[in-house]
């Protein structure tokens, strides 16, 4: 995958079902962290606050993934993430179902606390 120039450029290349889920996720992240800066980190759409990347996302072949940019967050929230697939660095979710706002809030708040921003 080539590094996209922006989140808009990345989303333009994503199939419609996954694009809609990721656009919703993008809006939710901005609502949770007003003033978050959009960026591309590790070739994926990401969000930065006070110089620290705290969230990112990608469309996958079968769904979508959320990245907390920390190896500690997903294990720490394992009980809240039961029923989701993933890897040690990514939480996988079904684009039709989306990532619930309550789950996203916990993920973002945990990461911001980890980097000393909340």
PDB file of N, CA and C in Angstrom:
ATOM      1  N   UNK A   1       0.838  -1.169   0.000  1.00  0.00           N
ATOM      2  CA  UNK A   1       0.000   0.000   0.000  1.00  0.00           C
ATOM      3  C   UNK A   1       0.891   1.243   0.000  1.00  0.00           C
ATOM      4  N   UNK A   2       0.597   2.158  -0.863  1.00  0.00           N
ATOM      5  CA  UNK A   2       1.299   3.433  -0.889  1.00  0.00           C
ATOM      6  C   UNK A   2       0.744   4.320   0.207  1.00  0.00           C
ATOM      7  N   UNK A   3       1.596   5.173   0.737  1.00  0.00           N
ATOM      8  CA  UNK A   3       1.167   6.090   1.786  1.00  0.00           C
ATOM      9  C   UNK A   3       0.193   7.104   1.203  1.00  0.00           C
ATOM     10  N   UNK A   4      -1.033   7.164   1.734  1.00  0.00           N
ATOM     11  CA  UNK A   4      -2.001   8.137   1.221  1.00  0.00           C
ATOM     12  C   UNK A   4      -1.586   9.552   1.628  1.00  0.00           C
ATOM     13  N   UNK A   5      -1.995  10.523   0.845  1.00  0.00           N
ATOM     14  CA  UNK A   5      -1.659  11.920   1.114  1.00  0.00           C
ATOM     15  C   UNK A   5      -2.478  12.485   2.274  1.00  0.00           C
ATOM     16  N   UNK A   6      -3.668  11.936   2.493  1.00  0.00           N
ATOM     17  CA  UNK A   6      -4.551  12.436   3.544  1.00  0.00           C
ATOM     18  C   UNK A   6      -5.578  11.361   3.876  1.00  0.00           C
ATOM     19  N   UNK A   7      -6.326  11.604   4.942  1.00  0.00           N
ATOM     20  CA  UNK A   7      -7.402  10.673   5.277  1.00  0.00           C
ATOM     21  C   UNK A   7      -8.458  10.676   4.187  1.00  0.00           C
ATOM     22  N   UNK A   8      -8.760  11.837   3.633  1.00  0.00           N
ATOM     23  CA  UNK A   8      -9.733  11.903   2.534  1.00  0.00           C
ATOM     24  C   UNK A   8      -9.277  11.061   1.348  1.00  0.00           C
ATOM     25  N   UNK A   9      -7.991  11.157   1.001  1.00  0.00           N
ATOM     26  CA  UNK A   9      -7.460  10.371  -0.118  1.00  0.00           C
ATOM     27  C   UNK A   9      -7.562   8.881   0.187  1.00  0.00           C
ATOM     28  N   UNK A  10      -7.256   8.492   1.414  1.00  0.00           N
ATOM     29  CA  UNK A  10      -7.363   7.088   1.797  1.00  0.00           C
ATOM     30  C   UNK A  10      -8.808   6.613   1.677  1.00  0.00           C
ATOM     31  N   UNK A  11      -9.734   7.361   2.259  1.00  0.00           N
ATOM     32  CA  UNK A  11     -11.145   6.944   2.243  1.00  0.00           C
ATOM     33  C   UNK A  11     -11.710   6.863   0.831  1.00  0.00           C
ATOM     34  N   UNK A  12     -11.224   7.693  -0.078  1.00  0.00           N
ATOM     35  CA  UNK A  12     -11.688   7.648  -1.467  1.00  0.00           C
ATOM     36  C   UNK A  12     -11.354   6.313  -2.125  1.00  0.00           C
ATOM     37  N   UNK A  13     -10.338   5.618  -1.593  1.00  0.00           N
ATOM     38  CA  UNK A  13      -9.911   4.345  -2.181  1.00  0.00           C
ATOM     39  C   UNK A  13     -10.562   3.125  -1.520  1.00  0.00           C
ATOM     40  N   UNK A  14     -11.391   3.345  -0.524  1.00  0.00           N
ATOM     41  CA  UNK A  14     -11.984   2.264   0.260  1.00  0.00           C
ATOM     42  C   UNK A  14     -13.378   1.925  -0.271  1.00  0.00           C
ATOM     43  N   UNK A  15     -13.740   0.633  -0.325  1.00  0.00           N
ATOM     44  CA  UNK A  15     -15.096   0.258  -0.757  1.00  0.00           C
ATOM     45  C   UNK A  15     -16.166   0.957   0.086  1.00  0.00           C
ATOM     46  N   UNK A  16     -17.317   1.259  -0.517  1.00  0.00           N
ATOM     47  CA  UNK A  16     -18.354   2.069   0.142  1.00  0.00           C
ATOM     48  C   UNK A  16     -18.798   1.606   1.522  1.00  0.00           C
ATOM     49  N   UNK A  17     -18.966   0.300   1.738  1.00  0.00           N
ATOM     50  CA  UNK A  17     -19.440  -0.159   3.049  1.00  0.00           C
ATOM     51  C   UNK A  17     -18.428   0.151   4.144  1.00  0.00           C
ATOM     52  N   UNK A  18     -17.167  -0.094   3.866  1.00  0.00           N
ATOM     53  CA  UNK A  18     -16.122   0.185   4.852  1.00  0.00           C
ATOM     54  C   UNK A  18     -15.855   1.684   4.964  1.00  0.00           C
ATOM     55  N   UNK A  19     -15.996   2.406   3.854  1.00  0.00           N
ATOM     56  CA  UNK A  19     -15.799   3.863   3.882  1.00  0.00           C
ATOM     57  C   UNK A  19     -16.805   4.504   4.835  1.00  0.00           C
ATOM     58  N   UNK A  20     -18.058   4.108   4.743  1.00  0.00           N
ATOM     59  CA  UNK A  20     -19.094   4.682   5.608  1.00  0.00           C
ATOM     60  C   UNK A  20     -18.777   4.427   7.084  1.00  0.00           C
ATOM     61  N   UNK A  21     -18.351   3.218   7.418  1.00  0.00           N
ATOM     62  CA  UNK A  21     -18.017   2.894   8.810  1.00  0.00           C
ATOM     63  C   UNK A  21     -16.820   3.708   9.291  1.00  0.00           C
ATOM     64  N   UNK A  22     -15.824   3.873   8.428  1.00  0.00           N
ATOM     65  CA  UNK A  22     -14.630   4.621   8.825  1.00  0.00           C
ATOM     66  C   UNK A  22     -14.897   6.121   8.889  1.00  0.00           C
ATOM     67  N   UNK A  23     -15.763   6.632   8.027  1.00  0.00           N
ATOM     68  CA  UNK A  23     -16.136   8.051   8.113  1.00  0.00           C
ATOM     69  C   UNK A  23     -16.876   8.326   9.425  1.00  0.00           C
ATOM     70  N   UNK A  24     -17.719   7.401   9.838  1.00  0.00           N
ATOM     71  CA  UNK A  24     -18.421   7.551  11.112  1.00  0.00           C
ATOM     72  C   UNK A  24     -17.417   7.510  12.265  1.00  0.00           C
ATOM     73  N   UNK A  25     -16.481   6.577  12.218  1.00  0.00           N
ATOM     74  CA  UNK A  25     -15.449   6.472  13.239  1.00  0.00           C
ATOM     75  C   UNK A  25     -14.632   7.761  13.306  1.00  0.00           C
ATOM     76  N   UNK A  26     -14.283   8.290  12.171  1.00  0.00           N
ATOM     77  CA  UNK A  26     -13.529   9.557  12.086  1.00  0.00           C
ATOM     78  C   UNK A  26     -14.283  10.683  12.799  1.00  0.00           C
ATOM     79  N   UNK A  27     -15.568  10.806  12.512  1.00  0.00           N
ATOM     80  CA  UNK A  27     -16.382  11.844  13.142  1.00  0.00           C
ATOM     81  C   UNK A  27     -16.476  11.635  14.649  1.00  0.00           C
ATOM     82  N   UNK A  28     -16.592  10.396  15.073  1.00  0.00           N
ATOM     83  CA  UNK A  28     -16.677  10.106  16.503  1.00  0.00           C
ATOM     84  C   UNK A  28     -15.370  10.464  17.214  1.00  0.00           C
ATOM     85  N   UNK A  29     -14.254  10.193  16.585  1.00  0.00           N
ATOM     86  CA  UNK A  29     -12.963  10.537  17.185  1.00  0.00           C
ATOM     87  C   UNK A  29     -12.847  12.050  17.330  1.00  0.00           C
ATOM     88  N   UNK A  30     -13.247  12.788  16.307  1.00  0.00           N
ATOM     89  CA  UNK A  30     -13.203  14.251  16.397  1.00  0.00           C
ATOM     90  C   UNK A  30     -14.136  14.769  17.495  1.00  0.00           C
ATOM     91  N   UNK A  31     -15.284  14.124  17.682  1.00  0.00           N
ATOM     92  CA  UNK A  31     -16.202  14.538  18.742  1.00  0.00           C
ATOM     93  C   UNK A  31     -15.612  14.252  20.128  1.00  0.00           C
ATOM     94  N   UNK A  32     -14.904  13.139  20.262  1.00  0.00           N
ATOM     95  CA  UNK A  32     -14.290  12.782  21.537  1.00  0.00           C
ATOM     96  C   UNK A  32     -13.074  13.636  21.869  1.00  0.00           C
ATOM     97  N   UNK A  33     -12.324  14.023  20.835  1.00  0.00           N
ATOM     98  CA  UNK A  33     -11.096  14.785  21.038  1.00  0.00           C
ATOM     99  C   UNK A  33     -11.120  16.005  20.115  1.00  0.00           C
ATOM    100  N   UNK A  34     -11.864  17.024  20.521  1.00  0.00           N
ATOM    101  CA  UNK A  34     -11.912  18.236  19.694  1.00  0.00           C
ATOM    102  C   UNK A  34     -10.497  18.786  19.488  1.00  0.00           C
ATOM    103  N   UNK A  35     -10.216  19.169  18.278  1.00  0.00           N
ATOM    104  CA  UNK A  35      -8.895  19.699  17.965  1.00  0.00           C
ATOM    105  C   UNK A  35      -7.874  18.641  17.601  1.00  0.00           C
ATOM    106  N   UNK A  36      -8.279  17.369  17.578  1.00  0.00           N
ATOM    107  CA  UNK A  36      -7.348  16.319  17.168  1.00  0.00           C
ATOM    108  C   UNK A  36      -6.886  16.598  15.745  1.00  0.00           C
ATOM    109  N   UNK A  37      -5.614  16.395  15.510  1.00  0.00           N
ATOM    110  CA  UNK A  37      -5.025  16.628  14.192  1.00  0.00           C
ATOM    111  C   UNK A  37      -5.043  15.330  13.391  1.00  0.00           C
ATOM    112  N   UNK A  38      -5.517  15.386  12.179  1.00  0.00           N
ATOM    113  CA  UNK A  38      -5.477  14.221  11.305  1.00  0.00           C
ATOM    114  C   UNK A  38      -4.079  14.103  10.715  1.00  0.00           C
ATOM    115  N   UNK A  39      -3.619  12.870  10.584  1.00  0.00           N
ATOM    116  CA  UNK A  39      -2.298  12.629  10.012  1.00  0.00           C
ATOM    117  C   UNK A  39      -2.277  11.239   9.389  1.00  0.00           C
ATOM    118  N   UNK A  40      -1.177  10.918   8.781  1.00  0.00           N
ATOM    119  CA  UNK A  40      -0.926   9.564   8.286  1.00  0.00           C
ATOM    120  C   UNK A  40       0.274   9.054   9.071  1.00  0.00           C
ATOM    121  N   UNK A  41       0.110   7.928   9.747  1.00  0.00           N
ATOM    122  CA  UNK A  41       1.180   7.337  10.536  1.00  0.00           C
ATOM    123  C   UNK A  41       1.262   5.858  10.196  1.00  0.00           C
ATOM    124  N   UNK A  42       2.448   5.384   9.899  1.00  0.00           N
ATOM    125  CA  UNK A  42       2.631   4.002   9.457  1.00  0.00           C
ATOM    126  C   UNK A  42       1.723   3.696   8.265  1.00  0.00           C
ATOM    127  N   UNK A  43       1.574   4.664   7.380  1.00  0.00           N
ATOM    128  CA  UNK A  43       0.777   4.567   6.152  1.00  0.00           C
ATOM    129  C   UNK A  43      -0.718   4.382   6.405  1.00  0.00           C
ATOM    130  N   UNK A  44      -1.186   4.720   7.603  1.00  0.00           N
ATOM    131  CA  UNK A  44      -2.621   4.607   7.872  1.00  0.00           C
ATOM    132  C   UNK A  44      -3.178   5.931   8.390  1.00  0.00           C
ATOM    133  N   UNK A  45      -4.461   6.168   8.160  1.00  0.00           N
ATOM    134  CA  UNK A  45      -5.113   7.343   8.719  1.00  0.00           C
ATOM    135  C   UNK A  45      -5.014   7.294  10.243  1.00  0.00           C
ATOM    136  N   UNK A  46      -4.629   8.418  10.828  1.00  0.00           N
ATOM    137  CA  UNK A  46      -4.427   8.453  12.272  1.00  0.00           C
ATOM    138  C   UNK A  46      -4.783   9.832  12.818  1.00  0.00           C
ATOM    139  N   UNK A  47      -4.769   9.918  14.131  1.00  0.00           N
ATOM    140  CA  UNK A  47      -5.127  11.154  14.828  1.00  0.00           C
ATOM    141  C   UNK A  47      -4.070  11.430  15.880  1.00  0.00           C
ATOM    142  N   UNK A  48      -3.719  12.702  15.996  1.00  0.00           N
ATOM    143  CA  UNK A  48      -2.664  13.119  16.898  1.00  0.00           C
ATOM    144  C   UNK A  48      -3.200  14.232  17.799  1.00  0.00           C
ATOM    145  N   UNK A  49      -2.766  14.211  19.059  1.00  0.00           N
ATOM    146  CA  UNK A  49      -3.080  15.277  20.005  1.00  0.00           C
ATOM    147  C   UNK A  49      -1.789  15.647  20.722  1.00  0.00           C
ATOM    148  N   UNK A  50      -1.455  16.903  20.721  1.00  0.00           N
ATOM    149  CA  UNK A  50      -0.250  17.417  21.352  1.00  0.00           C
ATOM    150  C   UNK A  50       0.991  16.600  20.962  1.00  0.00           C
ATOM    151  N   UNK A  51       1.076  16.270  19.684  1.00  0.00           N
ATOM    152  CA  UNK A  51       2.241  15.569  19.155  1.00  0.00           C
ATOM    153  C   UNK A  51       2.252  14.067  19.323  1.00  0.00           C
ATOM    154  N   UNK A  52       1.215  13.494  19.943  1.00  0.00           N
ATOM    155  CA  UNK A  52       1.148  12.050  20.184  1.00  0.00           C
ATOM    156  C   UNK A  52       0.043  11.420  19.347  1.00  0.00           C
ATOM    157  N   UNK A  53       0.370  10.387  18.592  1.00  0.00           N
ATOM    158  CA  UNK A  53      -0.644   9.650  17.837  1.00  0.00           C
ATOM    159  C   UNK A  53      -1.400   8.773  18.833  1.00  0.00           C
ATOM    160  N   UNK A  54      -2.734   8.867  18.801  1.00  0.00           N
ATOM    161  CA  UNK A  54      -3.531   8.127  19.775  1.00  0.00           C
ATOM    162  C   UNK A  54      -4.553   7.188  19.150  1.00  0.00           C
ATOM    163  N   UNK A  55      -4.785   7.253  17.854  1.00  0.00           N
ATOM    164  CA  UNK A  55      -5.780   6.379  17.218  1.00  0.00           C
ATOM    165  C   UNK A  55      -5.522   6.325  15.720  1.00  0.00           C
ATOM    166  N   UNK A  56      -5.909   5.210  15.122  1.00  0.00           N
ATOM    167  CA  UNK A  56      -5.820   5.066  13.676  1.00  0.00           C
ATOM    168  C   UNK A  56      -6.803   4.011  13.209  1.00  0.00           C
ATOM    169  N   UNK A  57      -6.985   3.936  11.895  1.00  0.00           N
ATOM    170  CA  UNK A  57      -7.906   2.939  11.357  1.00  0.00           C
ATOM    171  C   UNK A  57      -7.490   2.515   9.961  1.00  0.00           C
ATOM    172  N   UNK A  58      -7.986   1.359   9.567  1.00  0.00           N
ATOM    173  CA  UNK A  58      -7.792   0.835   8.215  1.00  0.00           C
ATOM    174  C   UNK A  58      -9.002   0.002   7.812  1.00  0.00           C
ATOM    175  N   UNK A  59      -9.249  -0.040   6.524  1.00  0.00           N
ATOM    176  CA  UNK A  59     -10.203  -0.995   5.966  1.00  0.00           C
ATOM    177  C   UNK A  59      -9.408  -2.267   5.682  1.00  0.00           C
ATOM    178  N   UNK A  60     -10.017  -3.411   5.930  1.00  0.00           N
ATOM    179  CA  UNK A  60      -9.382  -4.690   5.634  1.00  0.00           C
ATOM    180  C   UNK A  60     -10.176  -5.382   4.533  1.00  0.00           C
ATOM    181  N   UNK A  61      -9.722  -6.545   4.135  1.00  0.00           N
ATOM    182  CA  UNK A  61     -10.420  -7.281   3.076  1.00  0.00           C
ATOM    183  C   UNK A  61     -11.858  -7.609   3.465  1.00  0.00           C
ATOM    184  N   UNK A  62     -12.092  -7.851   4.749  1.00  0.00           N
ATOM    185  CA  UNK A  62     -13.428  -8.260   5.182  1.00  0.00           C
ATOM    186  C   UNK A  62     -14.107  -7.285   6.127  1.00  0.00           C
ATOM    187  N   UNK A  63     -13.421  -6.254   6.556  1.00  0.00           N
ATOM    188  CA  UNK A  63     -14.021  -5.358   7.537  1.00  0.00           C
ATOM    189  C   UNK A  63     -13.171  -4.130   7.786  1.00  0.00           C
ATOM    190  N   UNK A  64     -13.104  -3.742   9.063  1.00  0.00           N
ATOM    191  CA  UNK A  64     -12.361  -2.545   9.459  1.00  0.00           C
ATOM    192  C   UNK A  64     -11.545  -2.852  10.706  1.00  0.00           C
ATOM    193  N   UNK A  65     -10.499  -2.066  10.909  1.00  0.00           N
ATOM    194  CA  UNK A  65      -9.667  -2.220  12.089  1.00  0.00           C
ATOM    195  C   UNK A  65      -9.402  -0.870  12.731  1.00  0.00           C
ATOM    196  N   UNK A  66      -9.349  -0.874  14.056  1.00  0.00           N
ATOM    197  CA  UNK A  66      -9.003   0.294  14.856  1.00  0.00           C
ATOM    198  C   UNK A  66      -7.658   0.019  15.511  1.00  0.00           C
ATOM    199  N   UNK A  67      -6.777   1.002  15.511  1.00  0.00           N
ATOM    200  CA  UNK A  67      -5.437   0.876  16.076  1.00  0.00           C
ATOM    201  C   UNK A  67      -5.240   1.908  17.180  1.00  0.00           C
ATOM    202  N   UNK A  68      -4.962   1.467  18.416  1.00  0.00           N
ATOM    203  CA  UNK A  68      -4.740   2.416  19.501  1.00  0.00           C
ATOM    204  C   UNK A  68      -3.301   2.942  19.582  1.00  0.00           C
ATOM    205  N   UNK A  69      -2.403   2.454  18.729  1.00  0.00           N
ATOM    206  CA  UNK A  69      -1.001   2.866  18.727  1.00  0.00           C
ATOM    207  C   UNK A  69      -0.336   2.620  20.076  1.00  0.00           C
ATOM    208  N   UNK A  70      -0.692   1.490  20.684  1.00  0.00           N
ATOM    209  CA  UNK A  70      -0.102   1.067  21.949  1.00  0.00           C
ATOM    210  C   UNK A  70      -0.363  -0.423  22.110  1.00  0.00           C
ATOM    211  N   UNK A  71       0.628  -1.140  22.574  1.00  0.00           N
ATOM    212  CA  UNK A  71       0.442  -2.554  22.838  1.00  0.00           C
ATOM    213  C   UNK A  71      -0.244  -2.839  24.162  1.00  0.00           C
ATOM    214  N   UNK A  72      -0.509  -1.801  24.947  1.00  0.00           N
ATOM    215  CA  UNK A  72      -1.106  -1.986  26.272  1.00  0.00           C
ATOM    216  C   UNK A  72      -2.619  -1.834  26.307  1.00  0.00           C
ATOM    217  N   UNK A  73      -3.169  -1.088  25.389  1.00  0.00           N
ATOM    218  CA  UNK A  73      -4.584  -0.707  25.468  1.00  0.00           C
ATOM    219  C   UNK A  73      -5.527  -1.888  25.244  1.00  0.00           C
ATOM    220  N   UNK A  74      -5.339  -2.648  24.196  1.00  0.00           N
ATOM    221  CA  UNK A  74      -6.267  -3.748  23.906  1.00  0.00           C
ATOM    222  C   UNK A  74      -6.267  -4.795  25.011  1.00  0.00           C
ATOM    223  N   UNK A  75      -5.102  -5.232  25.519  1.00  0.00           N
ATOM    224  CA  UNK A  75      -5.139  -6.181  26.644  1.00  0.00           C
ATOM    225  C   UNK A  75      -5.797  -5.592  27.897  1.00  0.00           C
ATOM    226  N   UNK A  76      -5.568  -4.320  28.154  1.00  0.00           N
ATOM    227  CA  UNK A  76      -6.146  -3.686  29.347  1.00  0.00           C
ATOM    228  C   UNK A  76      -7.670  -3.614  29.271  1.00  0.00           C
ATOM    229  N   UNK A  77      -8.209  -3.528  28.072  1.00  0.00           N
ATOM    230  CA  UNK A  77      -9.663  -3.425  27.888  1.00  0.00           C
ATOM    231  C   UNK A  77     -10.282  -4.723  27.367  1.00  0.00           C
ATOM    232  N   UNK A  78      -9.587  -5.832  27.558  1.00  0.00           N
ATOM    233  CA  UNK A  78     -10.026  -7.116  27.003  1.00  0.00           C
ATOM    234  C   UNK A  78     -11.470  -7.454  27.360  1.00  0.00           C
ATOM    235  N   UNK A  79     -11.885  -7.193  28.585  1.00  0.00           N
ATOM    236  CA  UNK A  79     -13.259  -7.515  28.990  1.00  0.00           C
ATOM    237  C   UNK A  79     -14.278  -6.699  28.196  1.00  0.00           C
ATOM    238  N   UNK A  80     -13.938  -5.446  27.896  1.00  0.00           N
ATOM    239  CA  UNK A  80     -14.837  -4.578  27.123  1.00  0.00           C
ATOM    240  C   UNK A  80     -14.845  -4.932  25.639  1.00  0.00           C
ATOM    241  N   UNK A  81     -13.824  -5.659  25.197  1.00  0.00           N
ATOM    242  CA  UNK A  81     -13.664  -5.958  23.775  1.00  0.00           C
ATOM    243  C   UNK A  81     -14.028  -7.395  23.428  1.00  0.00           C
ATOM    244  N   UNK A  82     -14.590  -8.113  24.383  1.00  0.00           N
ATOM    245  CA  UNK A  82     -15.021  -9.487  24.125  1.00  0.00           C
ATOM    246  C   UNK A  82     -16.008  -9.483  22.960  1.00  0.00           C
ATOM    247  N   UNK A  83     -15.855 -10.412  22.065  1.00  0.00           N
ATOM    248  CA  UNK A  83     -16.741 -10.491  20.902  1.00  0.00           C
ATOM    249  C   UNK A  83     -16.149  -9.859  19.654  1.00  0.00           C
ATOM    250  N   UNK A  84     -15.039  -9.146  19.817  1.00  0.00           N
ATOM    251  CA  UNK A  84     -14.348  -8.554  18.663  1.00  0.00           C
ATOM    252  C   UNK A  84     -13.125  -9.399  18.356  1.00  0.00           C
ATOM    253  N   UNK A  85     -12.756  -9.434  17.101  1.00  0.00           N
ATOM    254  CA  UNK A  85     -11.527 -10.089  16.713  1.00  0.00           C
ATOM    255  C   UNK A  85     -10.394  -9.091  16.766  1.00  0.00           C
ATOM    256  N   UNK A  86      -9.220  -9.564  16.444  1.00  0.00           N
ATOM    257  CA  UNK A  86      -8.112  -8.637  16.390  1.00  0.00           C
ATOM    258  C   UNK A  86      -6.764  -9.304  16.469  1.00  0.00           C
ATOM    259  N   UNK A  87      -5.770  -8.464  16.574  1.00  0.00           N
ATOM    260  CA  UNK A  87      -4.386  -8.871  16.764  1.00  0.00           C
ATOM    261  C   UNK A  87      -3.890  -8.131  17.993  1.00  0.00           C
ATOM    262  N   UNK A  88      -2.608  -8.257  18.300  1.00  0.00           N
ATOM    263  CA  UNK A  88      -2.123  -7.545  19.481  1.00  0.00           C
ATOM    264  C   UNK A  88      -2.081  -6.032  19.279  1.00  0.00           C
ATOM    265  N   UNK A  89      -2.177  -5.589  18.026  1.00  0.00           N
ATOM    266  CA  UNK A  89      -2.127  -4.142  17.777  1.00  0.00           C
ATOM    267  C   UNK A  89      -3.400  -3.570  17.156  1.00  0.00           C
ATOM    268  N   UNK A  90      -4.372  -4.418  16.821  1.00  0.00           N
ATOM    269  CA  UNK A  90      -5.570  -3.937  16.123  1.00  0.00           C
ATOM    270  C   UNK A  90      -6.827  -4.614  16.634  1.00  0.00           C
ATOM    271  N   UNK A  91      -7.884  -3.835  16.668  1.00  0.00           N
ATOM    272  CA  UNK A  91      -9.218  -4.339  17.002  1.00  0.00           C
ATOM    273  C   UNK A  91     -10.004  -4.393  15.700  1.00  0.00           C
ATOM    274  N   UNK A  92     -10.496  -5.569  15.340  1.00  0.00           N
ATOM    275  CA  UNK A  92     -11.263  -5.731  14.104  1.00  0.00           C
ATOM    276  C   UNK A  92     -12.756  -5.599  14.401  1.00  0.00           C
ATOM    277  N   UNK A  93     -13.458  -4.925  13.504  1.00  0.00           N
ATOM    278  CA  UNK A  93     -14.905  -4.796  13.674  1.00  0.00           C
ATOM    279  C   UNK A  93     -15.610  -4.855  12.329  1.00  0.00           C
ATOM    280  N   UNK A  94     -16.854  -5.279  12.388  1.00  0.00           N
ATOM    281  CA  UNK A  94     -17.707  -5.416  11.209  1.00  0.00           C
ATOM    282  C   UNK A  94     -18.194  -4.027  10.798  1.00  0.00           C
ATOM    283  N   UNK A  95     -17.980  -3.621   9.546  1.00  0.00           N
ATOM    284  CA  UNK A  95     -18.415  -2.283   9.138  1.00  0.00           C
ATOM    285  C   UNK A  95     -19.924  -2.075   9.239  1.00  0.00           C
ATOM    286  N   UNK A  96     -20.701  -3.132   9.082  1.00  0.00           N
ATOM    287  CA  UNK A  96     -22.156  -2.992   9.185  1.00  0.00           C
ATOM    288  C   UNK A  96     -22.574  -2.676  10.622  1.00  0.00           C
ATOM    289  N   UNK A  97     -21.832  -3.189  11.560  1.00  0.00           N
ATOM    290  CA  UNK A  97     -22.127  -2.966  12.977  1.00  0.00           C
ATOM    291  C   UNK A  97     -21.420  -1.723  13.512  1.00  0.00           C
ATOM    292  N   UNK A  98     -20.267  -1.440  12.945  1.00  0.00           N
ATOM    293  CA  UNK A  98     -19.479  -0.304  13.406  1.00  0.00           C
ATOM    294  C   UNK A  98     -18.841  -0.568  14.757  1.00  0.00           C
ATOM    295  N   UNK A  99     -18.135   0.409  15.242  1.00  0.00           N
ATOM    296  CA  UNK A  99     -17.523   0.341  16.564  1.00  0.00           C
ATOM    297  C   UNK A  99     -18.366   1.227  17.481  1.00  0.00           C
ATOM    298  N   UNK A 100     -19.045   0.635  18.471  1.00  0.00           N
ATOM    299  CA  UNK A 100     -19.916   1.431  19.331  1.00  0.00           C
ATOM    300  C   UNK A 100     -19.185   2.600  19.991  1.00  0.00           C
ATOM    301  N   UNK A 101     -19.900   3.676  20.142  1.00  0.00           N
ATOM    302  CA  UNK A 101     -19.327   4.890  20.723  1.00  0.00           C
ATOM    303  C   UNK A 101     -18.764   4.633  22.121  1.00  0.00           C
ATOM    304  N   UNK A 102     -19.438   3.802  22.904  1.00  0.00           N
ATOM    305  CA  UNK A 102     -18.961   3.516  24.262  1.00  0.00           C
ATOM    306  C   UNK A 102     -17.615   2.795  24.238  1.00  0.00           C
ATOM    307  N   UNK A 103     -17.444   1.867  23.311  1.00  0.00           N
ATOM    308  CA  UNK A 103     -16.188   1.141  23.175  1.00  0.00           C
ATOM    309  C   UNK A 103     -15.092   2.094  22.686  1.00  0.00           C
ATOM    310  N   UNK A 104     -15.401   2.887  21.678  1.00  0.00           N
ATOM    311  CA  UNK A 104     -14.428   3.839  21.164  1.00  0.00           C
ATOM    312  C   UNK A 104     -13.998   4.820  22.252  1.00  0.00           C
ATOM    313  N   UNK A 105     -14.940   5.301  23.028  1.00  0.00           N
ATOM    314  CA  UNK A 105     -14.625   6.240  24.109  1.00  0.00           C
ATOM    315  C   UNK A 105     -13.616   5.617  25.078  1.00  0.00           C
ATOM    316  N   UNK A 106     -13.831   4.363  25.456  1.00  0.00           N
ATOM    317  CA  UNK A 106     -12.903   3.686  26.372  1.00  0.00           C
ATOM    318  C   UNK A 106     -11.515   3.542  25.752  1.00  0.00           C
ATOM    319  N   UNK A 107     -11.473   3.173  24.483  1.00  0.00           N
ATOM    320  CA  UNK A 107     -10.191   3.020  23.794  1.00  0.00           C
ATOM    321  C   UNK A 107      -9.426   4.342  23.742  1.00  0.00           C
ATOM    322  N   UNK A 108     -10.112   5.389  23.347  1.00  0.00           N
ATOM    323  CA  UNK A 108      -9.464   6.704  23.210  1.00  0.00           C
ATOM    324  C   UNK A 108      -9.042   7.233  24.571  1.00  0.00           C
ATOM    325  N   UNK A 109      -9.919   7.160  25.560  1.00  0.00           N
ATOM    326  CA  UNK A 109      -9.577   7.670  26.888  1.00  0.00           C
ATOM    327  C   UNK A 109      -8.400   6.918  27.490  1.00  0.00           C
ATOM    328  N   UNK A 110      -8.352   5.611  27.309  1.00  0.00           N
ATOM    329  CA  UNK A 110      -7.241   4.827  27.839  1.00  0.00           C
ATOM    330  C   UNK A 110      -5.925   5.237  27.185  1.00  0.00           C
ATOM    331  N   UNK A 111      -5.950   5.448  25.888  1.00  0.00           N
ATOM    332  CA  UNK A 111      -4.720   5.846  25.188  1.00  0.00           C
ATOM    333  C   UNK A 111      -4.287   7.252  25.590  1.00  0.00           C
ATOM    334  N   UNK A 112      -5.227   8.164  25.686  1.00  0.00           N
ATOM    335  CA  UNK A 112      -4.891   9.536  26.090  1.00  0.00           C
ATOM    336  C   UNK A 112      -4.322   9.544  27.511  1.00  0.00           C
ATOM    337  N   UNK A 113      -4.887   8.745  28.392  1.00  0.00           N
ATOM    338  CA  UNK A 113      -4.359   8.657  29.760  1.00  0.00           C
ATOM    339  C   UNK A 113      -2.945   8.082  29.749  1.00  0.00           C
ATOM    340  N   UNK A 114      -2.720   7.092  28.906  1.00  0.00           N
ATOM    341  CA  UNK A 114      -1.408   6.460  28.818  1.00  0.00           C
ATOM    342  C   UNK A 114      -0.333   7.458  28.402  1.00  0.00           C
ATOM    343  N   UNK A 115      -0.675   8.375  27.519  1.00  0.00           N
ATOM    344  CA  UNK A 115       0.317   9.352  27.052  1.00  0.00           C
ATOM    345  C   UNK A 115       0.246  10.659  27.837  1.00  0.00           C
ATOM    346  N   UNK A 116      -0.556  10.658  28.914  1.00  0.00           N
ATOM    347  CA  UNK A 116      -0.605  11.791  29.822  1.00  0.00           C
ATOM    348  C   UNK A 116      -1.412  12.992  29.350  1.00  0.00           C
ATOM    349  N   UNK A 117      -2.425  12.734  28.532  1.00  0.00           N
ATOM    350  CA  UNK A 117      -3.232  13.851  28.008  1.00  0.00           C
ATOM    351  C   UNK A 117      -4.597  13.976  28.658  1.00  0.00           C
ATOM    352  N   UNK A 118      -4.991  13.042  29.501  1.00  0.00           N
ATOM    353  CA  UNK A 118      -6.293  13.159  30.189  1.00  0.00           C
ATOM    354  C   UNK A 118      -6.241  12.462  31.503  1.00  0.00           C
TER     355      UNK A 118
END
